[in-house]
N, C-alpha and C. Protein backbone atom coordinates (compact mmCIF):
# COMPACT_ATOMS: atom_id res chain seq x y z
N MET A 1 -60.33 210.91 84.56
CA MET A 1 -61.63 210.58 83.88
C MET A 1 -61.84 210.40 82.36
N ALA A 2 -62.82 209.35 82.01
CA ALA A 2 -63.70 209.28 80.97
C ALA A 2 -64.05 210.42 80.29
N TYR A 3 -64.17 210.46 79.02
CA TYR A 3 -64.90 211.84 78.80
C TYR A 3 -66.04 210.66 77.61
N GLN A 4 -67.40 211.64 77.87
CA GLN A 4 -68.93 210.22 77.93
C GLN A 4 -68.86 212.02 77.18
N LYS A 5 -69.54 211.38 75.61
CA LYS A 5 -69.78 212.41 74.62
C LYS A 5 -71.70 212.67 75.08
N LEU A 6 -72.07 213.53 74.91
CA LEU A 6 -73.25 214.58 75.45
C LEU A 6 -74.30 214.07 74.04
N GLN A 7 -74.01 213.70 72.73
CA GLN A 7 -74.63 213.14 71.71
C GLN A 7 -74.42 211.69 70.62
N VAL A 8 -74.68 211.42 69.48
CA VAL A 8 -74.60 210.51 69.09
C VAL A 8 -74.86 210.50 67.52
N GLY A 9 -74.39 210.03 66.51
CA GLY A 9 -74.21 209.88 65.23
C GLY A 9 -74.43 209.32 64.87
N ARG A 10 -74.87 207.67 65.58
CA ARG A 10 -75.41 206.79 64.59
C ARG A 10 -75.85 205.81 65.63
N ALA A 11 -77.28 205.12 65.56
CA ALA A 11 -77.82 203.97 66.05
C ALA A 11 -78.45 203.42 65.92
N ALA A 12 -79.20 201.74 66.42
CA ALA A 12 -79.60 200.71 65.84
C ALA A 12 -80.28 200.35 66.97
N ALA A 13 -81.21 199.04 67.44
CA ALA A 13 -81.91 199.07 67.73
C ALA A 13 -80.82 197.51 68.42
N VAL A 14 -81.21 197.30 69.84
CA VAL A 14 -80.73 196.27 70.64
C VAL A 14 -81.43 194.85 70.41
N THR A 15 -81.41 193.63 69.75
CA THR A 15 -81.81 192.72 70.17
C THR A 15 -81.50 191.86 71.59
N PRO A 16 -82.19 192.45 73.07
CA PRO A 16 -80.79 190.97 73.56
C PRO A 16 -80.22 189.53 73.67
N SER A 17 -79.76 188.96 74.01
CA SER A 17 -78.72 188.12 73.46
C SER A 17 -77.53 187.42 74.92
N ASP A 18 -77.74 186.06 75.32
CA ASP A 18 -77.22 185.69 76.08
C ASP A 18 -75.50 185.24 75.58
N THR A 19 -76.01 185.46 74.60
CA THR A 19 -74.75 185.28 73.99
C THR A 19 -73.57 186.12 72.94
N ALA A 20 -74.80 186.67 71.93
CA ALA A 20 -73.95 188.09 70.97
C ALA A 20 -73.50 188.90 71.67
N ARG A 21 -72.88 190.10 71.40
CA ARG A 21 -72.53 191.35 71.91
C ARG A 21 -73.22 192.17 70.73
N ILE A 22 -73.40 193.34 71.17
CA ILE A 22 -74.48 194.74 70.61
C ILE A 22 -73.12 194.35 69.53
N PRO A 23 -73.80 194.22 67.90
CA PRO A 23 -72.84 194.93 66.38
C PRO A 23 -72.47 196.29 66.19
N ASP A 24 -71.49 196.24 66.35
CA ASP A 24 -71.05 197.67 65.58
C ASP A 24 -72.08 198.66 64.78
N VAL A 25 -72.87 198.85 64.73
CA VAL A 25 -73.73 199.77 63.03
C VAL A 25 -73.02 199.76 62.37
N ALA A 26 -71.46 199.56 61.60
CA ALA A 26 -71.09 199.30 60.76
C ALA A 26 -69.51 197.93 60.01
N GLY A 27 -70.97 197.08 61.15
CA GLY A 27 -70.42 195.97 61.33
C GLY A 27 -69.44 195.86 61.49
N GLY A 28 -68.21 196.91 62.79
CA GLY A 28 -67.36 195.28 62.75
C GLY A 28 -67.13 195.57 64.06
N VAL A 29 -66.63 195.48 65.66
CA VAL A 29 -66.58 195.11 67.14
C VAL A 29 -66.94 196.69 67.43
N ASN A 30 -68.33 196.26 68.10
CA ASN A 30 -68.69 197.37 68.97
C ASN A 30 -67.71 197.17 70.44
N ASN A 31 -67.16 198.72 70.38
CA ASN A 31 -66.15 198.75 71.52
C ASN A 31 -67.13 200.14 72.91
N GLY A 32 -68.47 199.51 72.92
CA GLY A 32 -69.08 200.38 73.55
C GLY A 32 -70.12 201.09 73.22
N CYS A 33 -71.06 201.44 73.49
CA CYS A 33 -72.49 201.90 73.46
C CYS A 33 -73.23 203.68 74.39
N VAL A 34 -74.08 203.11 74.74
CA VAL A 34 -74.75 204.15 76.10
C VAL A 34 -76.02 203.85 75.22
N LEU A 35 -77.06 203.51 76.53
CA LEU A 35 -78.84 202.73 75.76
C LEU A 35 -79.63 203.65 75.68
N TYR A 36 -81.09 203.82 75.13
CA TYR A 36 -81.79 204.43 74.78
C TYR A 36 -83.09 203.20 75.47
N VAL A 37 -83.22 203.43 76.37
CA VAL A 37 -84.70 202.57 77.05
C VAL A 37 -86.12 202.83 76.44
N GLY A 38 -86.24 202.29 75.31
CA GLY A 38 -88.31 202.84 74.97
C GLY A 38 -89.36 202.17 76.35
N GLY A 39 -88.84 200.92 76.65
CA GLY A 39 -89.94 200.50 77.86
C GLY A 39 -89.45 199.91 79.50
N ALA A 40 -90.07 200.40 79.92
CA ALA A 40 -89.45 200.70 80.69
C ALA A 40 -89.48 198.52 81.67
N GLY A 41 -88.45 198.58 82.54
CA GLY A 41 -88.33 197.69 83.07
C GLY A 41 -86.95 196.94 83.65
N ASN A 42 -86.02 196.13 83.94
CA ASN A 42 -85.54 196.13 84.77
C ASN A 42 -83.96 196.05 82.36
N LEU A 43 -83.05 196.10 83.27
CA LEU A 43 -82.45 195.44 81.83
C LEU A 43 -80.49 195.63 82.88
N LYS A 44 -80.35 193.61 82.12
CA LYS A 44 -78.89 193.19 82.40
C LYS A 44 -77.62 194.18 81.17
N VAL A 45 -76.92 194.22 81.89
CA VAL A 45 -76.30 194.06 80.75
C VAL A 45 -74.35 193.96 81.49
N GLU A 46 -73.69 193.70 80.24
CA GLU A 46 -71.72 193.35 80.22
C GLU A 46 -71.35 195.26 79.70
N THR A 47 -70.33 195.25 80.71
CA THR A 47 -69.78 196.81 79.63
C THR A 47 -68.57 196.47 79.47
N VAL A 48 -67.79 197.49 78.97
CA VAL A 48 -66.65 197.92 78.53
C VAL A 48 -65.98 196.52 79.26
N GLY A 49 -65.63 197.03 80.92
CA GLY A 49 -65.04 196.88 81.36
C GLY A 49 -65.37 195.27 81.85
N GLY A 50 -66.02 194.49 81.30
CA GLY A 50 -67.21 193.19 81.33
C GLY A 50 -67.57 192.91 82.44
N ASP A 51 -67.50 193.78 83.28
CA ASP A 51 -68.96 193.72 84.47
C ASP A 51 -70.30 193.15 84.42
N GLU A 52 -70.66 192.35 84.89
CA GLU A 52 -71.89 191.68 84.92
C GLU A 52 -73.09 192.57 85.42
N VAL A 53 -74.07 193.70 85.41
CA VAL A 53 -74.49 194.95 86.72
C VAL A 53 -76.13 194.27 85.27
N THR A 54 -77.63 194.47 86.06
CA THR A 54 -78.51 194.71 86.28
C THR A 54 -79.05 195.58 87.37
N PHE A 55 -79.51 196.68 86.54
CA PHE A 55 -80.64 197.91 85.88
C PHE A 55 -81.91 197.42 86.42
N VAL A 56 -82.13 197.81 87.60
CA VAL A 56 -83.91 197.49 87.92
C VAL A 56 -84.62 199.19 88.11
N GLY A 57 -85.70 198.90 87.48
CA GLY A 57 -86.29 199.32 87.66
C GLY A 57 -87.06 200.55 86.31
N ILE A 58 -85.45 201.04 85.26
CA ILE A 58 -85.72 201.74 83.86
C ILE A 58 -86.55 201.76 83.65
N ASN A 59 -86.48 203.88 84.02
CA ASN A 59 -88.43 204.40 83.04
C ASN A 59 -88.37 204.37 82.10
N THR A 60 -89.58 204.50 81.55
CA THR A 60 -89.50 204.64 79.62
C THR A 60 -89.18 206.26 79.92
N GLY A 61 -88.44 205.86 78.47
CA GLY A 61 -87.52 206.80 78.34
C GLY A 61 -86.23 207.46 78.74
N ALA A 62 -85.49 206.63 79.15
CA ALA A 62 -84.57 207.03 79.69
C ALA A 62 -83.27 206.28 79.11
N PHE A 63 -81.84 207.65 79.41
CA PHE A 63 -80.86 206.12 79.02
C PHE A 63 -79.89 206.36 80.24
N LEU A 64 -79.43 204.92 79.60
CA LEU A 64 -78.22 204.75 80.27
C LEU A 64 -76.64 205.09 80.14
N PRO A 65 -75.96 205.89 80.32
CA PRO A 65 -75.09 205.75 80.29
C PRO A 65 -73.21 205.69 81.06
N VAL A 66 -73.80 204.30 80.66
CA VAL A 66 -72.88 203.16 80.97
C VAL A 66 -72.33 202.71 79.58
N GLN A 67 -70.68 202.32 79.43
CA GLN A 67 -70.54 202.06 78.10
C GLN A 67 -70.46 200.50 77.80
N VAL A 68 -71.67 200.05 77.22
CA VAL A 68 -72.43 198.42 77.20
C VAL A 68 -71.57 197.75 76.14
N VAL A 69 -71.57 197.00 75.64
CA VAL A 69 -71.33 195.50 74.91
C VAL A 69 -71.99 194.51 74.54
N LYS A 70 -73.52 194.11 75.74
CA LYS A 70 -73.97 193.24 75.41
C LYS A 70 -75.20 193.32 76.44
N VAL A 71 -76.76 193.27 75.99
CA VAL A 71 -77.59 193.21 77.08
C VAL A 71 -77.93 191.68 76.83
N PHE A 72 -77.95 191.63 77.51
CA PHE A 72 -78.82 189.97 78.10
C PHE A 72 -80.42 189.77 77.62
N ALA A 73 -80.65 188.55 76.98
CA ALA A 73 -81.82 188.10 77.10
C ALA A 73 -82.49 187.93 78.88
N THR A 74 -81.58 187.10 79.07
CA THR A 74 -82.13 186.52 80.97
C THR A 74 -81.70 187.70 82.01
N GLY A 75 -82.92 187.96 82.44
CA GLY A 75 -82.60 189.03 83.35
C GLY A 75 -82.72 190.74 82.59
N THR A 76 -82.41 190.67 81.28
CA THR A 76 -83.89 191.93 80.40
C THR A 76 -84.87 191.70 80.33
N SER A 77 -85.72 192.94 80.99
CA SER A 77 -86.82 193.15 80.33
C SER A 77 -87.98 193.93 80.26
N ALA A 78 -86.39 194.97 79.80
CA ALA A 78 -87.03 196.58 79.39
C ALA A 78 -87.43 196.59 78.06
N THR A 79 -87.73 196.90 77.13
CA THR A 79 -88.00 196.91 75.87
C THR A 79 -87.68 197.82 74.76
N ASN A 80 -87.87 197.86 73.57
CA ASN A 80 -87.28 198.87 73.17
C ASN A 80 -86.12 199.99 72.90
N ILE A 81 -85.02 198.86 72.82
CA ILE A 81 -83.98 199.28 72.85
C ILE A 81 -82.53 199.97 72.50
N LEU A 82 -82.51 200.54 72.27
CA LEU A 82 -81.34 201.73 71.44
C LEU A 82 -80.45 201.34 71.88
N ALA A 83 -79.17 200.90 70.43
CA ALA A 83 -77.84 201.33 70.77
C ALA A 83 -76.95 202.63 69.49
N LEU A 84 -76.49 203.73 70.88
CA LEU A 84 -76.21 204.66 70.56
C LEU A 84 -74.43 205.41 70.54
N TRP A 85 -74.69 205.08 69.73
CA TRP A 85 -72.51 205.80 69.29
C TRP A 85 -72.16 206.68 68.87
């Protein structure tokens, strides 16, 4: 079973992109982060396992407890997204 941290030490705003992965806060490789969604909508992501999925109807103020490496621009209508490590 994978261990999921219940608190974070770093956070950064996410700019959705169909090509670029979410960069690590320190400028390295992002090995996965969880997301906070500040504005409701749909969220299309790529998981650390390489799956592309769309979470439909994410509420304002929701946390997405999935290890994510990319947030797609196409298919994402949610706003104010933060990456949490």
